[in-house]
Amino acid sequence: MAIVVTLDVMLAKRKMRSKELAERVGITVQNVSLLKSGKVKGVRFETLDKICEALECQPGDILSFEESD
């Protein structure tokens, strides 16, 4: 099982750059990049809340579950 991060898709839909999201959320551009690539093991709900607020989306718009074989 795996959680897939589709933050890059939502950023494209909102025509927002990673730098702008980082500034709005209060995290580094490097952390946004790690989130986009799915290389993080966790994310704080507070951070997720701020990302969703900045992108005007729901957590399910940027996170999904896919079963692995």
C-alpha atoms as a PDB file:
ATOM      1  CA  MET A   1       0.000   0.000   0.000  1.00  0.00           C
ATOM      2  CA  ALA A   2       1.147   3.517  -0.696  1.00  0.00           C
ATOM      3  CA  ILE A   3       0.035   7.068  -0.253  1.00  0.00           C
ATOM      4  CA  VAL A   4       0.543   8.994  -3.480  1.00  0.00           C
ATOM      5  CA  VAL A   5       1.099  12.747  -3.339  1.00  0.00           C
ATOM      6  CA  THR A   6      -0.360  14.703  -6.270  1.00  0.00           C
ATOM      7  CA  LEU A   7       0.608  18.140  -5.003  1.00  0.00           C
ATOM      8  CA  ASP A   8       2.268  18.979  -8.316  1.00  0.00           C
ATOM      9  CA  VAL A   9      -1.028  18.410 -10.143  1.00  0.00           C
ATOM     10  CA  MET A  10      -2.918  20.738  -7.801  1.00  0.00           C
ATOM     11  CA  LEU A  11      -0.198  23.400  -8.091  1.00  0.00           C
ATOM     12  CA  ALA A  12      -0.541  23.238 -11.881  1.00  0.00           C
ATOM     13  CA  LYS A  13      -4.347  23.478 -11.680  1.00  0.00           C
ATOM     14  CA  ARG A  14      -4.039  26.555  -9.469  1.00  0.00           C
ATOM     15  CA  LYS A  15      -1.228  28.002 -11.631  1.00  0.00           C
ATOM     16  CA  MET A  16       0.887  28.399  -8.523  1.00  0.00           C
ATOM     17  CA  ARG A  17       4.624  27.880  -8.194  1.00  0.00           C
ATOM     18  CA  SER A  18       6.253  25.958  -5.387  1.00  0.00           C
ATOM     19  CA  LYS A  19       7.905  29.140  -4.132  1.00  0.00           C
ATOM     20  CA  GLU A  20       4.564  30.893  -3.721  1.00  0.00           C
ATOM     21  CA  LEU A  21       3.059  27.906  -1.902  1.00  0.00           C
ATOM     22  CA  ALA A  22       6.086  27.716   0.393  1.00  0.00           C
ATOM     23  CA  GLU A  23       5.713  31.393   1.288  1.00  0.00           C
ATOM     24  CA  ARG A  24       1.976  31.069   1.968  1.00  0.00           C
ATOM     25  CA  VAL A  25       2.371  27.930   4.081  1.00  0.00           C
ATOM     26  CA  GLY A  26       5.542  28.964   5.896  1.00  0.00           C
ATOM     27  CA  ILE A  27       7.750  26.070   4.811  1.00  0.00           C
ATOM     28  CA  THR A  28      10.841  25.940   2.641  1.00  0.00           C
ATOM     29  CA  VAL A  29      10.781  25.420  -1.115  1.00  0.00           C
ATOM     30  CA  GLN A  30      12.901  22.322  -0.479  1.00  0.00           C
ATOM     31  CA  ASN A  31      10.174  20.868   1.743  1.00  0.00           C
ATOM     32  CA  VAL A  32       7.549  21.576  -0.933  1.00  0.00           C
ATOM     33  CA  SER A  33       9.794  19.767  -3.416  1.00  0.00           C
ATOM     34  CA  LEU A  34      10.105  16.777  -1.084  1.00  0.00           C
ATOM     35  CA  LEU A  35       6.329  16.694  -0.655  1.00  0.00           C
ATOM     36  CA  LYS A  36       5.780  16.854  -4.413  1.00  0.00           C
ATOM     37  CA  SER A  37       8.164  13.965  -4.999  1.00  0.00           C
ATOM     38  CA  GLY A  38       6.584  11.859  -2.252  1.00  0.00           C
ATOM     39  CA  LYS A  39       9.913  11.481  -0.446  1.00  0.00           C
ATOM     40  CA  VAL A  40       8.516  12.414   2.958  1.00  0.00           C
ATOM     41  CA  LYS A  41       7.377   9.903   5.555  1.00  0.00           C
ATOM     42  CA  GLY A  42       4.846  12.206   7.148  1.00  0.00           C
ATOM     43  CA  VAL A  43       3.264  15.614   7.135  1.00  0.00           C
ATOM     44  CA  ARG A  44       1.822  17.541  10.045  1.00  0.00           C
ATOM     45  CA  PHE A  45      -1.898  18.171   9.956  1.00  0.00           C
ATOM     46  CA  GLU A  46      -1.176  21.861  10.539  1.00  0.00           C
ATOM     47  CA  THR A  47       0.963  21.951   7.389  1.00  0.00           C
ATOM     48  CA  LEU A  48      -1.614  19.970   5.414  1.00  0.00           C
ATOM     49  CA  ASP A  49      -4.289  22.396   6.600  1.00  0.00           C
ATOM     50  CA  LYS A  50      -2.274  25.395   5.397  1.00  0.00           C
ATOM     51  CA  ILE A  51      -1.547  23.754   2.044  1.00  0.00           C
ATOM     52  CA  CYS A  52      -5.235  23.011   1.513  1.00  0.00           C
ATOM     53  CA  GLU A  53      -6.155  26.559   2.507  1.00  0.00           C
ATOM     54  CA  ALA A  54      -3.583  28.063   0.112  1.00  0.00           C
ATOM     55  CA  LEU A  55      -4.680  25.819  -2.767  1.00  0.00           C
ATOM     56  CA  GLU A  56      -8.392  25.945  -1.886  1.00  0.00           C
ATOM     57  CA  CYS A  57      -8.641  22.169  -1.972  1.00  0.00           C
ATOM     58  CA  GLN A  58      -9.363  19.129   0.180  1.00  0.00           C
ATOM     59  CA  PRO A  59      -6.664  16.736   1.488  1.00  0.00           C
ATOM     60  CA  GLY A  60      -7.995  14.097  -0.910  1.00  0.00           C
ATOM     61  CA  ASP A  61      -7.159  16.399  -3.810  1.00  0.00           C
ATOM     62  CA  ILE A  62      -3.441  16.104  -3.041  1.00  0.00           C
ATOM     63  CA  LEU A  63      -3.228  12.687  -1.348  1.00  0.00           C
ATOM     64  CA  SER A  64      -4.517   9.343  -2.557  1.00  0.00           C
ATOM     65  CA  PHE A  65      -4.154   5.696  -1.566  1.00  0.00           C
ATOM     66  CA  GLU A  66      -3.002   3.071  -4.044  1.00  0.00           C
ATOM     67  CA  GLU A  67      -2.599  -0.595  -3.224  1.00  0.00           C
ATOM     68  CA  SER A  68       0.731  -2.098  -4.197  1.00  0.00           C
ATOM     69  CA  ASP A  69       1.100  -5.591  -5.574  1.00  0.00           C
END
